[in-house]
Amino acid sequence: VGKPYLSLFFPAENSHLAGRMIPGGGWAYFNKFGL
């Protein structure tokens, strides 16, 4: 997930993973680095 969008998913410091629908791949979890 591109860096400009990460702050939308990680507003709190204690969050480690965030979920997002990815095109053609259903739901996925990514880390604070966007991976």
PDB file of all heavy atoms in Angstrom:
ATOM      1  N   VAL A   1       0.891  -1.153   0.000  1.00  0.00           N
ATOM      2  CA  VAL A   1       0.000   0.000   0.000  1.00  0.00           C
ATOM      3  C   VAL A   1       0.928   1.202   0.000  1.00  0.00           C
ATOM      4  O   VAL A   1       1.882   1.261   0.783  1.00  0.00           O
ATOM      5  CB  VAL A   1      -0.909   0.006   1.247  1.00  0.00           C
ATOM      6  CG1 VAL A   1      -1.693   1.297   1.341  1.00  0.00           C
ATOM      7  CG2 VAL A   1      -1.840  -1.199   1.219  1.00  0.00           C
ATOM      8  N   GLY A   2       0.703   2.170  -0.897  1.00  0.00           N
ATOM      9  CA  GLY A   2       1.587   3.328  -1.026  1.00  0.00           C
ATOM     10  C   GLY A   2       1.694   4.144   0.247  1.00  0.00           C
ATOM     11  O   GLY A   2       0.732   4.278   1.009  1.00  0.00           O
ATOM     12  N   LYS A   3       2.872   4.693   0.506  1.00  0.00           N
ATOM     13  CA  LYS A   3       3.134   5.476   1.723  1.00  0.00           C
ATOM     14  C   LYS A   3       2.151   6.621   1.950  1.00  0.00           C
ATOM     15  O   LYS A   3       1.768   6.874   3.087  1.00  0.00           O
ATOM     16  CB  LYS A   3       4.568   6.002   1.716  1.00  0.00           C
ATOM     17  CG  LYS A   3       5.573   4.927   1.992  1.00  0.00           C
ATOM     18  CD  LYS A   3       6.982   5.484   2.086  1.00  0.00           C
ATOM     19  CE  LYS A   3       7.938   4.333   2.325  1.00  0.00           C
ATOM     20  NZ  LYS A   3       9.311   4.765   2.431  1.00  0.00           N
ATOM     21  N   PRO A   4       1.704   7.333   0.905  1.00  0.00           N
ATOM     22  CA  PRO A   4       0.770   8.446   1.160  1.00  0.00           C
ATOM     23  C   PRO A   4      -0.550   8.003   1.804  1.00  0.00           C
ATOM     24  O   PRO A   4      -1.236   8.804   2.406  1.00  0.00           O
ATOM     25  CB  PRO A   4       0.507   9.029  -0.232  1.00  0.00           C
ATOM     26  CG  PRO A   4       1.635   8.577  -1.080  1.00  0.00           C
ATOM     27  CD  PRO A   4       2.081   7.264  -0.511  1.00  0.00           C
ATOM     28  N   TYR A   5      -0.864   6.708   1.707  1.00  0.00           N
ATOM     29  CA  TYR A   5      -2.144   6.217   2.218  1.00  0.00           C
ATOM     30  C   TYR A   5      -2.038   5.558   3.595  1.00  0.00           C
ATOM     31  O   TYR A   5      -3.052   5.298   4.233  1.00  0.00           O
ATOM     32  CB  TYR A   5      -2.744   5.213   1.223  1.00  0.00           C
ATOM     33  CG  TYR A   5      -2.933   5.803  -0.143  1.00  0.00           C
ATOM     34  CD1 TYR A   5      -1.990   5.590  -1.144  1.00  0.00           C
ATOM     35  CD2 TYR A   5      -4.036   6.598  -0.427  1.00  0.00           C
ATOM     36  CE1 TYR A   5      -2.149   6.144  -2.407  1.00  0.00           C
ATOM     37  CE2 TYR A   5      -4.196   7.168  -1.682  1.00  0.00           C
ATOM     38  CZ  TYR A   5      -3.256   6.937  -2.658  1.00  0.00           C
ATOM     39  OH  TYR A   5      -3.418   7.490  -3.896  1.00  0.00           O
ATOM     40  N   LEU A   6      -0.838   5.277   4.049  1.00  0.00           N
ATOM     41  CA  LEU A   6      -0.676   4.532   5.296  1.00  0.00           C
ATOM     42  C   LEU A   6      -1.269   5.234   6.508  1.00  0.00           C
ATOM     43  O   LEU A   6      -1.832   4.584   7.384  1.00  0.00           O
ATOM     44  CB  LEU A   6       0.800   4.206   5.539  1.00  0.00           C
ATOM     45  CG  LEU A   6       1.399   3.188   4.578  1.00  0.00           C
ATOM     46  CD1 LEU A   6       2.876   2.995   4.873  1.00  0.00           C
ATOM     47  CD2 LEU A   6       0.651   1.874   4.639  1.00  0.00           C
ATOM     48  N   SER A   7      -1.164   6.560   6.568  1.00  0.00           N
ATOM     49  CA  SER A   7      -1.703   7.273   7.739  1.00  0.00           C
ATOM     50  C   SER A   7      -3.223   7.128   7.848  1.00  0.00           C
ATOM     51  O   SER A   7      -3.783   7.260   8.930  1.00  0.00           O
ATOM     52  CB  SER A   7      -1.314   8.747   7.694  1.00  0.00           C
ATOM     53  OG  SER A   7      -1.890   9.360   6.557  1.00  0.00           O
ATOM     54  N   LEU A   8      -3.886   6.821   6.759  1.00  0.00           N
ATOM     55  CA  LEU A   8      -5.334   6.598   6.793  1.00  0.00           C
ATOM     56  C   LEU A   8      -5.678   5.313   7.531  1.00  0.00           C
ATOM     57  O   LEU A   8      -6.745   5.181   8.122  1.00  0.00           O
ATOM     58  CB  LEU A   8      -5.907   6.519   5.374  1.00  0.00           C
ATOM     59  CG  LEU A   8      -5.734   7.751   4.506  1.00  0.00           C
ATOM     60  CD1 LEU A   8      -6.159   7.435   3.073  1.00  0.00           C
ATOM     61  CD2 LEU A   8      -6.543   8.906   5.061  1.00  0.00           C
ATOM     62  N   PHE A   9      -4.763   4.355   7.510  1.00  0.00           N
ATOM     63  CA  PHE A   9      -5.022   3.044   8.101  1.00  0.00           C
ATOM     64  C   PHE A   9      -4.368   2.860   9.464  1.00  0.00           C
ATOM     65  O   PHE A   9      -4.748   1.966  10.214  1.00  0.00           O
ATOM     66  CB  PHE A   9      -4.529   1.944   7.160  1.00  0.00           C
ATOM     67  CG  PHE A   9      -5.268   1.922   5.861  1.00  0.00           C
ATOM     68  CD1 PHE A   9      -4.716   2.502   4.724  1.00  0.00           C
ATOM     69  CD2 PHE A   9      -6.516   1.338   5.764  1.00  0.00           C
ATOM     70  CE1 PHE A   9      -5.402   2.476   3.521  1.00  0.00           C
ATOM     71  CE2 PHE A   9      -7.210   1.311   4.572  1.00  0.00           C
ATOM     72  CZ  PHE A   9      -6.649   1.890   3.438  1.00  0.00           C
ATOM     73  N   PHE A  10      -3.376   3.681   9.792  1.00  0.00           N
ATOM     74  CA  PHE A  10      -2.654   3.538  11.047  1.00  0.00           C
ATOM     75  C   PHE A  10      -2.650   4.840  11.833  1.00  0.00           C
ATOM     76  O   PHE A  10      -1.596   5.429  12.075  1.00  0.00           O
ATOM     77  CB  PHE A  10      -1.212   3.079  10.788  1.00  0.00           C
ATOM     78  CG  PHE A  10      -1.118   1.705  10.210  1.00  0.00           C
ATOM     79  CD1 PHE A  10      -0.909   1.526   8.856  1.00  0.00           C
ATOM     80  CD2 PHE A  10      -1.259   0.588  11.016  1.00  0.00           C
ATOM     81  CE1 PHE A  10      -0.831   0.262   8.308  1.00  0.00           C
ATOM     82  CE2 PHE A  10      -1.179  -0.689  10.484  1.00  0.00           C
ATOM     83  CZ  PHE A  10      -0.972  -0.851   9.120  1.00  0.00           C
ATOM     84  N   PRO A  11      -3.826   5.299  12.266  1.00  0.00           N
ATOM     85  CA  PRO A  11      -3.868   6.548  13.021  1.00  0.00           C
ATOM     86  C   PRO A  11      -3.303   6.397  14.430  1.00  0.00           C
ATOM     87  O   PRO A  11      -2.843   7.353  15.021  1.00  0.00           O
ATOM     88  CB  PRO A  11      -5.352   6.894  13.062  1.00  0.00           C
ATOM     89  CG  PRO A  11      -6.043   5.581  12.912  1.00  0.00           C
ATOM     90  CD  PRO A  11      -5.150   4.735  12.052  1.00  0.00           C
ATOM     91  N   ALA A  12      -3.315   5.191  14.968  1.00  0.00           N
ATOM     92  CA  ALA A  12      -2.832   4.966  16.337  1.00  0.00           C
ATOM     93  C   ALA A  12      -1.498   4.224  16.284  1.00  0.00           C
ATOM     94  O   ALA A  12      -1.282   3.375  15.429  1.00  0.00           O
ATOM     95  CB  ALA A  12      -3.846   4.146  17.117  1.00  0.00           C
ATOM     96  N   GLU A  13      -0.646   4.550  17.214  1.00  0.00           N
ATOM     97  CA  GLU A  13       0.677   3.918  17.268  1.00  0.00           C
ATOM     98  C   GLU A  13       0.610   2.428  17.599  1.00  0.00           C
ATOM     99  O   GLU A  13       1.496   1.682  17.250  1.00  0.00           O
ATOM    100  CB  GLU A  13       1.557   4.628  18.312  1.00  0.00           C
ATOM    101  CG  GLU A  13       2.027   5.988  17.870  1.00  0.00           C
ATOM    102  CD  GLU A  13       2.930   5.927  16.643  1.00  0.00           C
ATOM    103  OE1 GLU A  13       3.790   5.036  16.560  1.00  0.00           O
ATOM    104  OE2 GLU A  13       2.754   6.774  15.754  1.00  0.00           O
ATOM    105  N   ASN A  14      -0.453   2.003  18.297  1.00  0.00           N
ATOM    106  CA  ASN A  14      -0.513   0.611  18.729  1.00  0.00           C
ATOM    107  C   ASN A  14      -1.055  -0.337  17.647  1.00  0.00           C
ATOM    108  O   ASN A  14      -1.100  -1.527  17.850  1.00  0.00           O
ATOM    109  CB  ASN A  14      -1.336   0.470  20.007  1.00  0.00           C
ATOM    110  CG  ASN A  14      -2.757   0.958  19.832  1.00  0.00           C
ATOM    111  OD1 ASN A  14      -3.113   1.480  18.784  1.00  0.00           O
ATOM    112  ND2 ASN A  14      -3.562   0.796  20.859  1.00  0.00           N
ATOM    113  N   SER A  15      -1.448   0.184  16.515  1.00  0.00           N
ATOM    114  CA  SER A  15      -1.924  -0.664  15.422  1.00  0.00           C
ATOM    115  C   SER A  15      -0.732  -1.309  14.722  1.00  0.00           C
ATOM    116  O   SER A  15       0.250  -0.649  14.430  1.00  0.00           O
ATOM    117  CB  SER A  15      -2.710   0.165  14.404  1.00  0.00           C
ATOM    118  OG  SER A  15      -3.836   0.741  14.999  1.00  0.00           O
ATOM    119  N   HIS A  16      -0.841  -2.614  14.461  1.00  0.00           N
ATOM    120  CA  HIS A  16       0.252  -3.321  13.795  1.00  0.00           C
ATOM    121  C   HIS A  16      -0.116  -3.756  12.381  1.00  0.00           C
ATOM    122  O   HIS A  16       0.739  -3.797  11.513  1.00  0.00           O
ATOM    123  CB  HIS A  16       0.673  -4.542  14.600  1.00  0.00           C
ATOM    124  CG  HIS A  16       1.166  -4.187  15.954  1.00  0.00           C
ATOM    125  ND1 HIS A  16       2.329  -3.495  16.169  1.00  0.00           N
ATOM    126  CD2 HIS A  16       0.649  -4.420  17.182  1.00  0.00           C
ATOM    127  CE1 HIS A  16       2.509  -3.315  17.462  1.00  0.00           C
ATOM    128  NE2 HIS A  16       1.502  -3.868  18.093  1.00  0.00           N
ATOM    129  N   LEU A  17      -1.400  -4.116  12.181  1.00  0.00           N
ATOM    130  CA  LEU A  17      -1.869  -4.542  10.871  1.00  0.00           C
ATOM    131  C   LEU A  17      -3.181  -3.849  10.557  1.00  0.00           C
ATOM    132  O   LEU A  17      -3.955  -3.527  11.456  1.00  0.00           O
ATOM    133  CB  LEU A  17      -2.100  -6.062  10.835  1.00  0.00           C
ATOM    134  CG  LEU A  17      -0.879  -6.962  10.970  1.00  0.00           C
ATOM    135  CD1 LEU A  17      -1.308  -8.424  11.030  1.00  0.00           C
ATOM    136  CD2 LEU A  17       0.089  -6.756   9.827  1.00  0.00           C
ATOM    137  N   ALA A  18      -3.433  -3.660   9.283  1.00  0.00           N
ATOM    138  CA  ALA A  18      -4.706  -3.085   8.837  1.00  0.00           C
ATOM    139  C   ALA A  18      -5.222  -3.930   7.684  1.00  0.00           C
ATOM    140  O   ALA A  18      -4.449  -4.498   6.912  1.00  0.00           O
ATOM    141  CB  ALA A  18      -4.513  -1.639   8.391  1.00  0.00           C
ATOM    142  N   GLY A  19      -6.553  -4.018   7.579  1.00  0.00           N
ATOM    143  CA  GLY A  19      -7.165  -4.806   6.525  1.00  0.00           C
ATOM    144  C   GLY A  19      -7.636  -3.928   5.379  1.00  0.00           C
ATOM    145  O   GLY A  19      -8.040  -2.780   5.581  1.00  0.00           O
ATOM    146  N   ARG A  20      -7.573  -4.475   4.162  1.00  0.00           N
ATOM    147  CA  ARG A  20      -8.012  -3.741   2.972  1.00  0.00           C
ATOM    148  C   ARG A  20      -8.369  -4.735   1.879  1.00  0.00           C
ATOM    149  O   ARG A  20      -7.742  -5.773   1.747  1.00  0.00           O
ATOM    150  CB  ARG A  20      -6.893  -2.839   2.486  1.00  0.00           C
ATOM    151  CG  ARG A  20      -7.156  -2.217   1.132  1.00  0.00           C
ATOM    152  CD  ARG A  20      -6.418  -0.934   0.967  1.00  0.00           C
ATOM    153  NE  ARG A  20      -6.559  -0.353  -0.341  1.00  0.00           N
ATOM    154  CZ  ARG A  20      -7.656   0.207  -0.832  1.00  0.00           C
ATOM    155  NH1 ARG A  20      -8.756   0.218  -0.126  1.00  0.00           N
ATOM    156  NH2 ARG A  20      -7.674   0.749  -2.019  1.00  0.00           N
ATOM    157  N   MET A  21      -9.366  -4.382   1.091  1.00  0.00           N
ATOM    158  CA  MET A  21      -9.711  -5.167  -0.097  1.00  0.00           C
ATOM    159  C   MET A  21      -8.688  -4.822  -1.171  1.00  0.00           C
ATOM    160  O   MET A  21      -8.412  -3.641  -1.395  1.00  0.00           O
ATOM    161  CB  MET A  21     -11.118  -4.798  -0.560  1.00  0.00           C
ATOM    162  CG  MET A  21     -11.568  -5.526  -1.790  1.00  0.00           C
ATOM    163  SD  MET A  21     -12.016  -7.235  -1.533  1.00  0.00           S
ATOM    164  CE  MET A  21     -13.615  -7.080  -0.777  1.00  0.00           C
ATOM    165  N   ILE A  22      -8.099  -5.841  -1.787  1.00  0.00           N
ATOM    166  CA  ILE A  22      -7.151  -5.570  -2.862  1.00  0.00           C
ATOM    167  C   ILE A  22      -7.735  -6.094  -4.183  1.00  0.00           C
ATOM    168  O   ILE A  22      -8.392  -7.129  -4.200  1.00  0.00           O
ATOM    169  CB  ILE A  22      -5.750  -6.155  -2.586  1.00  0.00           C
ATOM    170  CG1 ILE A  22      -5.786  -7.669  -2.403  1.00  0.00           C
ATOM    171  CG2 ILE A  22      -5.127  -5.502  -1.375  1.00  0.00           C
ATOM    172  CD1 ILE A  22      -4.416  -8.300  -2.288  1.00  0.00           C
ATOM    173  N   PRO A  23      -7.527  -5.371  -5.258  1.00  0.00           N
ATOM    174  CA  PRO A  23      -8.101  -5.760  -6.547  1.00  0.00           C
ATOM    175  C   PRO A  23      -7.701  -7.180  -6.950  1.00  0.00           C
ATOM    176  O   PRO A  23      -6.529  -7.530  -6.909  1.00  0.00           O
ATOM    177  CB  PRO A  23      -7.523  -4.739  -7.530  1.00  0.00           C
ATOM    178  CG  PRO A  23      -7.125  -3.579  -6.682  1.00  0.00           C
ATOM    179  CD  PRO A  23      -6.734  -4.153  -5.350  1.00  0.00           C
ATOM    180  N   GLY A  24      -8.691  -7.989  -7.266  1.00  0.00           N
ATOM    181  CA  GLY A  24      -8.452  -9.352  -7.714  1.00  0.00           C
ATOM    182  C   GLY A  24      -7.960 -10.293  -6.642  1.00  0.00           C
ATOM    183  O   GLY A  24      -7.661 -11.440  -6.910  1.00  0.00           O
ATOM    184  N   GLY A  25      -7.863  -9.814  -5.403  1.00  0.00           N
ATOM    185  CA  GLY A  25      -7.303 -10.664  -4.364  1.00  0.00           C
ATOM    186  C   GLY A  25      -8.127 -10.745  -3.099  1.00  0.00           C
ATOM    187  O   GLY A  25      -7.703 -11.338  -2.132  1.00  0.00           O
ATOM    188  N   GLY A  26      -9.296 -10.140  -3.068  1.00  0.00           N
ATOM    189  CA  GLY A  26     -10.114 -10.185  -1.858  1.00  0.00           C
ATOM    190  C   GLY A  26      -9.501  -9.363  -0.741  1.00  0.00           C
ATOM    191  O   GLY A  26      -8.777  -8.397  -0.976  1.00  0.00           O
ATOM    192  N   TRP A  27      -9.764  -9.777   0.486  1.00  0.00           N
ATOM    193  CA  TRP A  27      -9.254  -9.060   1.654  1.00  0.00           C
ATOM    194  C   TRP A  27      -7.825  -9.465   1.951  1.00  0.00           C
ATOM    195  O   TRP A  27      -7.421 -10.600   1.723  1.00  0.00           O
ATOM    196  CB  TRP A  27     -10.122  -9.350   2.875  1.00  0.00           C
ATOM    197  CG  TRP A  27     -11.457  -8.694   2.788  1.00  0.00           C
ATOM    198  CD1 TRP A  27     -12.632  -9.285   2.434  1.00  0.00           C
ATOM    199  CD2 TRP A  27     -11.762  -7.320   3.024  1.00  0.00           C
ATOM    200  NE1 TRP A  27     -13.649  -8.359   2.443  1.00  0.00           N
ATOM    201  CE2 TRP A  27     -13.140  -7.145   2.801  1.00  0.00           C
ATOM    202  CE3 TRP A  27     -11.001  -6.221   3.390  1.00  0.00           C
ATOM    203  CZ2 TRP A  27     -13.770  -5.924   2.946  1.00  0.00           C
ATOM    204  CZ3 TRP A  27     -11.629  -5.003   3.536  1.00  0.00           C
ATOM    205  CH2 TRP A  27     -12.994  -4.859   3.322  1.00  0.00           C
ATOM    206  N   ALA A  28      -7.071  -8.513   2.487  1.00  0.00           N
ATOM    207  CA  ALA A  28      -5.683  -8.757   2.877  1.00  0.00           C
ATOM    208  C   ALA A  28      -5.355  -7.885   4.080  1.00  0.00           C
ATOM    209  O   ALA A  28      -6.026  -6.896   4.348  1.00  0.00           O
ATOM    210  CB  ALA A  28      -4.745  -8.424   1.727  1.00  0.00           C
ATOM    211  N   TYR A  29      -4.318  -8.267   4.824  1.00  0.00           N
ATOM    212  CA  TYR A  29      -3.784  -7.439   5.911  1.00  0.00           C
ATOM    213  C   TYR A  29      -2.401  -6.958   5.500  1.00  0.00           C
ATOM    214  O   TYR A  29      -1.636  -7.701   4.871  1.00  0.00           O
ATOM    215  CB  TYR A  29      -3.682  -8.235   7.214  1.00  0.00           C
ATOM    216  CG  TYR A  29      -4.982  -8.311   7.971  1.00  0.00           C
ATOM    217  CD1 TYR A  29      -5.779  -9.446   7.929  1.00  0.00           C
ATOM    218  CD2 TYR A  29      -5.420  -7.233   8.731  1.00  0.00           C
ATOM    219  CE1 TYR A  29      -6.966  -9.515   8.622  1.00  0.00           C
ATOM    220  CE2 TYR A  29      -6.611  -7.281   9.433  1.00  0.00           C
ATOM    221  CZ  TYR A  29      -7.378  -8.429   9.371  1.00  0.00           C
ATOM    222  OH  TYR A  29      -8.563  -8.480  10.069  1.00  0.00           O
ATOM    223  N   PHE A  30      -2.092  -5.705   5.864  1.00  0.00           N
ATOM    224  CA  PHE A  30      -0.772  -5.159   5.580  1.00  0.00           C
ATOM    225  C   PHE A  30      -0.220  -4.513   6.843  1.00  0.00           C
ATOM    226  O   PHE A  30      -0.952  -4.155   7.758  1.00  0.00           O
ATOM    227  CB  PHE A  30      -0.808  -4.175   4.407  1.00  0.00           C
ATOM    228  CG  PHE A  30      -1.742  -3.016   4.578  1.00  0.00           C
ATOM    229  CD1 PHE A  30      -1.294  -1.806   5.068  1.00  0.00           C
ATOM    230  CD2 PHE A  30      -3.084  -3.139   4.235  1.00  0.00           C
ATOM    231  CE1 PHE A  30      -2.158  -0.730   5.218  1.00  0.00           C
ATOM    232  CE2 PHE A  30      -3.951  -2.070   4.376  1.00  0.00           C
ATOM    233  CZ  PHE A  30      -3.489  -0.860   4.877  1.00  0.00           C
ATOM    234  N   ASN A  31       1.122  -4.377   6.882  1.00  0.00           N
ATOM    235  CA  ASN A  31       1.782  -3.825   8.069  1.00  0.00           C
ATOM    236  C   ASN A  31       2.006  -2.313   7.937  1.00  0.00           C
ATOM    237  O   ASN A  31       1.616  -1.712   6.941  1.00  0.00           O
ATOM    238  CB  ASN A  31       3.083  -4.577   8.365  1.00  0.00           C
ATOM    239  CG  ASN A  31       4.119  -4.422   7.272  1.00  0.00           C
ATOM    240  OD1 ASN A  31       4.098  -3.486   6.468  1.00  0.00           O
ATOM    241  ND2 ASN A  31       5.061  -5.353   7.241  1.00  0.00           N
ATOM    242  N   LYS A  32       2.643  -1.714   8.942  1.00  0.00           N
ATOM    243  CA  LYS A  32       2.864  -0.259   8.977  1.00  0.00           C
ATOM    244  C   LYS A  32       3.733   0.257   7.831  1.00  0.00           C
ATOM    245  O   LYS A  32       3.729   1.438   7.538  1.00  0.00           O
ATOM    246  CB  LYS A  32       3.529   0.145  10.295  1.00  0.00           C
ATOM    247  CG  LYS A  32       2.627   0.079  11.471  1.00  0.00           C
ATOM    248  CD  LYS A  32       3.380   0.557  12.700  1.00  0.00           C
ATOM    249  CE  LYS A  32       2.441   0.694  13.865  1.00  0.00           C
ATOM    250  NZ  LYS A  32       3.075   1.310  15.010  1.00  0.00           N
ATOM    251  N   PHE A  33       4.472  -0.638   7.204  1.00  0.00           N
ATOM    252  CA  PHE A  33       5.317  -0.245   6.079  1.00  0.00           C
ATOM    253  C   PHE A  33       4.570  -0.369   4.750  1.00  0.00           C
ATOM    254  O   PHE A  33       5.117  -0.075   3.705  1.00  0.00           O
ATOM    255  CB  PHE A  33       6.593  -1.084   6.050  1.00  0.00           C
ATOM    256  CG  PHE A  33       7.356  -1.006   7.338  1.00  0.00           C
ATOM    257  CD1 PHE A  33       7.325  -2.060   8.229  1.00  0.00           C
ATOM    258  CD2 PHE A  33       8.074   0.140   7.675  1.00  0.00           C
ATOM    259  CE1 PHE A  33       8.008  -1.987   9.433  1.00  0.00           C
ATOM    260  CE2 PHE A  33       8.758   0.216   8.881  1.00  0.00           C
ATOM    261  CZ  PHE A  33       8.721  -0.849   9.764  1.00  0.00           C
ATOM    262  N   GLY A  34       3.325  -0.858   4.831  1.00  0.00           N
ATOM    263  CA  GLY A  34       2.502  -1.018   3.644  1.00  0.00           C
ATOM    264  C   GLY A  34       2.595  -2.381   2.998  1.00  0.00           C
ATOM    265  O   GLY A  34       1.854  -2.686   2.068  1.00  0.00           O
ATOM    266  N   LEU A  35       3.504  -3.226   3.474  1.00  0.00           N
ATOM    267  CA  LEU A  35       3.688  -4.558   2.894  1.00  0.00           C
ATOM    268  C   LEU A  35       2.469  -5.429   3.178  1.00  0.00           C
ATOM    269  O   LEU A  35       2.056  -5.582   4.333  1.00  0.00           O
ATOM    270  CB  LEU A  35       4.940  -5.227   3.468  1.00  0.00           C
ATOM    271  CG  LEU A  35       5.194  -6.674   3.013  1.00  0.00           C
ATOM    272  CD1 LEU A  35       5.449  -6.741   1.509  1.00  0.00           C
ATOM    273  CD2 LEU A  35       6.357  -7.259   3.793  1.00  0.00           C
TER     274      LEU A  35
END
